[in-house]
């Protein structure tokens, strides 16, 4: 089975992670014809609100159709709910990206994690996460997991059970420190296994800033970062892309000009890196 599950995370928030997940998913669908599952594992449900209307997201949360409800059923109640019942289709507002699917999130995710910690159910949670990923690997071409900032119990499970991880970051000192904290965290218990690092993506970069250019060089010069060549510029177009519209728009209307070109280049590099790692693993 191909390795196709990717955790997207950074220990620091505010790096444009969820918007990047959205852009990658819609580009993989519209430009590469991939069936993409987005798993929203952030209690803020940011990428969920970018892929569906507020009314529909509220309905999913009210009717118990989010990833939180699936995990409660598996971990706290010991049941075996069918993961596919929690996946919704026809999400997004790009008329030529109709193969994106979503497992939405809910603020209750934070309370769920507290219950897991209080009851000492970390092993059961990791087993549930592993089972979800085993099931979806064979159904979707790419699975993107939008992890919350920080190093929660749930994020650690995703990082240990996905095939790969990527780390969006801004080109500034605090974000660079966030990557260092993540590296130290991975070094604490390497025997427990972690997703393979596909690389660091410089996001929301100001092309006119000399300071950000210097931090970008610093990030790229560290071989442990495996920095992606394409940096995503800070852009009003991406802020607009993050607002779900009830009327569909074309891919090129949503991701125009320079920012669209950067996202497409980044997506192609992501697919190339995944293929290279798969080839290396097969050869080994």
Protein backbone atom coordinates (compact mmCIF):
# COMPACT_ATOMS: atom_id res chain seq x y z
CA UNK A 1 0.00 0.00 0.00
CA UNK A 2 1.38 3.43 -0.93
CA UNK A 3 2.32 5.90 1.76
CA UNK A 4 -0.05 8.83 1.28
CA UNK A 5 -1.01 10.24 4.69
CA UNK A 6 0.48 13.59 5.75
CA UNK A 7 0.28 15.42 9.07
CA UNK A 8 0.53 19.20 8.67
CA UNK A 9 1.74 20.86 11.85
CA UNK A 10 3.91 23.40 13.62
CA UNK A 11 4.26 23.93 17.36
CA UNK A 12 3.58 27.64 16.73
CA UNK A 13 0.22 28.97 15.56
CA UNK A 14 -0.44 31.79 13.12
CA UNK A 15 1.66 30.34 10.30
CA UNK A 16 -1.22 29.95 7.83
CA UNK A 17 -1.35 26.17 8.27
CA UNK A 18 -5.07 25.61 7.63
CA UNK A 19 -5.16 27.91 4.60
CA UNK A 20 -2.21 26.01 3.18
CA UNK A 21 -3.99 22.67 3.74
CA UNK A 22 -6.99 24.09 1.87
CA UNK A 23 -4.87 25.30 -1.05
CA UNK A 24 -2.95 22.02 -1.32
CA UNK A 25 -6.16 19.95 -1.24
CA UNK A 26 -7.89 22.01 -3.93
CA UNK A 27 -4.77 22.09 -6.12
CA UNK A 28 -4.29 18.32 -5.80
CA UNK A 29 -7.92 17.88 -6.86
CA UNK A 30 -8.22 20.48 -9.62
CA UNK A 31 -4.73 20.28 -11.08
CA UNK A 32 -3.72 16.65 -10.47
CA UNK A 33 -7.06 14.82 -10.38
CA UNK A 34 -6.43 13.39 -6.90
CA UNK A 35 -9.09 12.23 -4.46
CA UNK A 36 -8.12 14.12 -1.31
CA UNK A 37 -9.35 13.61 2.23
CA UNK A 38 -8.85 16.50 4.66
CA UNK A 39 -9.02 15.44 8.30
CA UNK A 40 -9.56 18.50 10.49
CA UNK A 41 -7.96 17.68 13.83
CA UNK A 42 -7.88 21.26 15.09
CA UNK A 43 -10.54 22.18 17.67
CA UNK A 44 -10.89 25.61 16.02
CA UNK A 45 -12.25 23.82 12.90
CA UNK A 46 -10.60 26.41 10.66
CA UNK A 47 -10.18 24.27 7.56
CA UNK A 48 -13.71 22.88 8.08
CA UNK A 49 -15.13 26.39 7.90
CA UNK A 50 -13.08 27.02 4.74
CA UNK A 51 -14.52 23.93 3.03
CA UNK A 52 -18.19 24.18 3.97
CA UNK A 53 -20.73 26.77 5.05
CA UNK A 54 -21.19 27.76 8.68
CA UNK A 55 -24.73 26.37 8.55
CA UNK A 56 -23.56 22.99 7.27
CA UNK A 57 -20.69 22.83 9.76
CA UNK A 58 -23.13 23.58 12.58
CA UNK A 59 -25.39 20.79 11.31
CA UNK A 60 -22.50 18.31 11.27
CA UNK A 61 -21.51 19.29 14.81
CA UNK A 62 -25.10 19.16 16.08
CA UNK A 63 -25.82 15.78 14.46
CA UNK A 64 -22.62 14.20 15.78
CA UNK A 65 -20.91 13.77 12.42
CA UNK A 66 -17.43 15.15 13.17
CA UNK A 67 -14.11 13.44 13.83
CA UNK A 68 -14.68 14.19 17.53
CA UNK A 69 -17.81 12.04 17.51
CA UNK A 70 -15.98 9.23 15.72
CA UNK A 71 -13.13 9.29 18.26
CA UNK A 72 -15.52 9.48 21.24
CA UNK A 73 -17.28 6.40 19.92
CA UNK A 74 -14.02 4.50 19.42
CA UNK A 75 -11.95 5.64 22.39
CA UNK A 76 -14.30 6.63 25.21
CA UNK A 77 -17.23 4.33 24.42
CA UNK A 78 -15.30 1.37 23.03
CA UNK A 79 -17.51 1.12 19.94
CA UNK A 80 -16.64 0.55 16.28
CA UNK A 81 -18.29 3.43 14.36
CA UNK A 82 -17.73 3.36 10.60
CA UNK A 83 -15.29 6.14 9.68
CA UNK A 84 -16.98 6.69 6.31
CA UNK A 85 -20.13 7.93 8.06
CA UNK A 86 -18.12 10.95 9.22
CA UNK A 87 -16.74 11.92 5.79
CA UNK A 88 -18.61 14.48 3.70
CA UNK A 89 -18.26 15.00 -0.03
CA UNK A 90 -18.85 17.95 -2.36
CA UNK A 91 -16.96 20.36 -0.11
CA UNK A 92 -15.16 23.52 -1.14
CA UNK A 93 -16.23 26.28 -3.49
CA UNK A 94 -13.98 25.51 -6.48
CA UNK A 95 -16.02 24.15 -9.36
CA UNK A 96 -13.09 22.18 -10.81
CA UNK A 97 -11.97 20.68 -7.46
CA UNK A 98 -14.83 18.26 -6.83
CA UNK A 99 -12.76 15.40 -5.40
CA UNK A 100 -12.02 16.91 -1.96
CA UNK A 101 -13.59 15.21 1.07
CA UNK A 102 -13.70 16.32 4.69
CA UNK A 103 -13.81 14.92 8.21
CA UNK A 104 -14.83 18.07 10.06
CA UNK A 105 -13.90 19.15 13.57
CA UNK A 106 -15.54 20.70 16.62
CA UNK A 107 -14.49 22.71 19.69
CA UNK A 108 -15.41 19.62 21.75
CA UNK A 109 -12.12 18.09 20.58
CA UNK A 110 -10.35 19.86 23.46
CA UNK A 111 -12.70 18.28 26.00
CA UNK A 112 -12.21 14.88 24.36
CA UNK A 113 -8.44 15.16 24.76
CA UNK A 114 -8.87 16.04 28.45
CA UNK A 115 -10.97 12.91 28.95
CA UNK A 116 -8.37 10.77 27.19
CA UNK A 117 -5.63 12.11 29.46
CA UNK A 118 -7.75 11.85 32.62
CA UNK A 119 -8.72 8.24 31.91
CA UNK A 120 -5.25 7.22 30.69
CA UNK A 121 -6.54 6.15 27.27
CA UNK A 122 -3.55 7.25 25.20
CA UNK A 123 -2.93 3.75 23.85
CA UNK A 124 -6.54 3.35 22.78
CA UNK A 125 -6.45 6.76 21.09
CA UNK A 126 -3.33 5.86 19.13
CA UNK A 127 -4.92 2.58 18.05
CA UNK A 128 -8.03 4.45 16.85
CA UNK A 129 -5.92 6.94 14.88
CA UNK A 130 -3.91 4.12 13.33
CA UNK A 131 -7.11 2.34 12.29
CA UNK A 132 -8.57 5.45 10.64
CA UNK A 133 -5.39 5.93 8.62
CA UNK A 134 -5.20 2.26 7.65
CA UNK A 135 -8.77 2.43 6.35
CA UNK A 136 -8.48 5.71 4.41
CA UNK A 137 -5.09 4.97 2.79
CA UNK A 138 -6.67 2.60 0.29
CA UNK A 139 -9.67 4.84 -0.50
CA UNK A 140 -8.03 8.23 -1.11
CA UNK A 141 -4.99 9.27 -3.14
CA UNK A 142 -3.82 11.80 -0.53
CA UNK A 143 -4.84 12.34 3.10
CA UNK A 144 -3.99 15.70 4.73
CA UNK A 145 -4.36 15.96 8.52
CA UNK A 146 -4.64 19.54 9.78
CA UNK A 147 -3.11 19.32 13.27
CA UNK A 148 -3.51 22.04 15.90
CA UNK A 149 -0.50 24.11 16.95
CA UNK A 150 1.37 22.75 19.94
CA UNK A 151 2.12 19.17 20.92
CA UNK A 152 -1.12 17.73 22.23
CA UNK A 153 -1.83 14.06 22.86
CA UNK A 154 -3.84 13.88 19.64
CA UNK A 155 -1.20 15.63 17.54
CA UNK A 156 1.42 13.20 18.83
CA UNK A 157 -0.78 10.29 17.68
CA UNK A 158 -1.09 11.73 14.19
CA UNK A 159 2.66 12.34 14.03
CA UNK A 160 3.36 8.75 15.02
CA UNK A 161 0.79 7.12 12.71
CA UNK A 162 0.86 9.16 9.49
CA UNK A 163 3.41 8.34 6.81
CA UNK A 164 4.80 11.86 6.45
CA UNK A 165 4.67 15.29 8.01
CA UNK A 166 5.21 18.77 6.62
CA UNK A 167 5.74 21.93 8.66
CA UNK A 168 4.52 25.31 7.38
CA UNK A 169 6.40 28.18 8.97
CA UNK A 170 6.76 31.91 8.66
CA UNK A 171 10.20 33.34 7.99
CA UNK A 172 10.63 34.87 11.44
CA UNK A 173 12.50 34.09 14.66
CA UNK A 174 9.58 32.74 16.72
CA UNK A 175 8.46 30.37 13.97
CA UNK A 176 12.01 29.11 13.51
CA UNK A 177 12.13 28.44 17.27
CA UNK A 178 8.87 26.49 16.94
CA UNK A 179 10.55 24.15 14.45
CA UNK A 180 13.43 23.64 16.88
CA UNK A 181 11.01 22.69 19.68
CA UNK A 182 9.40 20.17 17.33
CA UNK A 183 12.78 18.64 16.46
CA UNK A 184 13.62 18.26 20.16
CA UNK A 185 10.24 16.67 20.81
CA UNK A 186 10.85 14.08 18.09
CA UNK A 187 14.27 13.32 19.56
CA UNK A 188 12.84 12.45 23.01
CA UNK A 189 11.38 9.06 22.11
CA UNK A 190 12.63 8.12 18.64
CA UNK A 191 12.02 4.43 19.32
CA UNK A 192 8.26 5.07 19.30
CA UNK A 193 8.39 6.07 15.65
CA UNK A 194 7.45 9.28 13.88
CA UNK A 195 6.20 10.21 10.44
CA UNK A 196 8.94 10.89 7.92
CA UNK A 197 9.77 14.56 7.47
CA UNK A 198 8.84 15.71 3.96
CA UNK A 199 10.08 19.20 4.70
CA UNK A 200 9.47 22.74 5.88
CA UNK A 201 7.32 25.10 3.80
CA UNK A 202 7.96 28.83 4.13
CA UNK A 203 4.50 30.37 4.15
CA UNK A 204 3.11 33.91 4.22
CA UNK A 205 6.44 35.38 3.18
CA UNK A 206 6.72 39.07 2.39
CA UNK A 207 8.76 39.20 -0.85
CA UNK A 208 9.89 42.76 -0.10
CA UNK A 209 11.24 42.04 3.41
CA UNK A 210 15.02 41.72 3.72
CA UNK A 211 14.60 40.29 7.23
CA UNK A 212 12.29 37.53 6.03
CA UNK A 213 14.69 36.77 3.17
CA UNK A 214 17.46 36.32 5.75
CA UNK A 215 15.35 33.95 7.88
CA UNK A 216 14.35 32.03 4.75
CA UNK A 217 18.07 31.52 3.95
CA UNK A 218 18.64 30.41 7.55
CA UNK A 219 15.86 27.84 7.25
CA UNK A 220 17.05 26.62 3.84
CA UNK A 221 20.66 26.30 4.98
CA UNK A 222 19.70 23.83 7.75
CA UNK A 223 19.69 20.40 6.04
CA UNK A 224 17.37 18.99 8.74
CA UNK A 225 14.57 21.23 7.45
CA UNK A 226 14.48 19.79 3.90
CA UNK A 227 13.05 23.17 2.91
CA UNK A 228 10.70 23.19 -0.05
CA UNK A 229 11.99 25.30 -2.93
CA UNK A 230 8.71 27.17 -3.38
CA UNK A 231 7.78 29.74 -0.75
CA UNK A 232 4.16 30.90 -0.54
CA UNK A 233 3.90 34.72 -0.56
CA UNK A 234 1.74 36.69 1.84
CA UNK A 235 -1.25 37.62 -0.26
CA UNK A 236 -4.73 39.07 -0.04
CA UNK A 237 -5.77 36.37 -2.51
CA UNK A 238 -5.01 33.64 0.05
CA UNK A 239 -6.93 35.49 2.75
CA UNK A 240 -9.89 35.64 0.34
CA UNK A 241 -9.41 31.94 -0.48
CA UNK A 242 -9.92 31.10 3.18
CA UNK A 243 -13.47 32.52 3.11
CA UNK A 244 -15.96 29.92 1.93
CA UNK A 245 -18.38 31.16 -0.74
CA UNK A 246 -21.80 29.68 -1.34
CA UNK A 247 -21.35 30.27 -5.07
CA UNK A 248 -18.64 28.26 -6.82
CA UNK A 249 -15.64 29.91 -8.42
CA UNK A 250 -12.97 28.58 -10.75
CA UNK A 251 -9.62 27.38 -9.43
CA UNK A 252 -7.78 30.22 -11.18
CA UNK A 253 -10.19 32.81 -9.78
CA UNK A 254 -9.51 31.56 -6.26
CA UNK A 255 -5.74 31.15 -6.68
CA UNK A 256 -4.69 33.82 -9.19
CA UNK A 257 -1.34 35.07 -10.38
CA UNK A 258 1.81 34.72 -8.32
CA UNK A 259 0.17 33.01 -5.33
CA UNK A 260 -1.50 30.43 -7.57
CA UNK A 261 1.80 29.72 -9.30
CA UNK A 262 3.55 29.27 -5.95
CA UNK A 263 0.86 26.87 -4.69
CA UNK A 264 1.02 24.78 -7.88
CA UNK A 265 4.83 24.61 -7.75
CA UNK A 266 4.67 23.62 -4.11
CA UNK A 267 2.08 20.91 -4.80
CA UNK A 268 4.18 19.44 -7.62
CA UNK A 269 7.23 19.38 -5.33
CA UNK A 270 5.15 17.68 -2.62
CA UNK A 271 4.09 14.91 -5.02
CA UNK A 272 7.67 14.50 -6.25
CA UNK A 273 8.99 14.15 -2.71
CA UNK A 274 6.33 11.59 -1.83
CA UNK A 275 7.18 9.56 -4.94
CA UNK A 276 10.90 9.73 -4.17
CA UNK A 277 10.39 8.53 -0.58
CA UNK A 278 8.15 5.72 -1.80
CA UNK A 279 10.80 4.64 -4.31
CA UNK A 280 13.50 4.73 -1.65
CA UNK A 281 11.37 2.67 0.73
CA UNK A 282 10.62 0.10 -1.99
CA UNK A 283 14.30 -0.18 -2.91
CA UNK A 284 15.23 -0.71 0.73
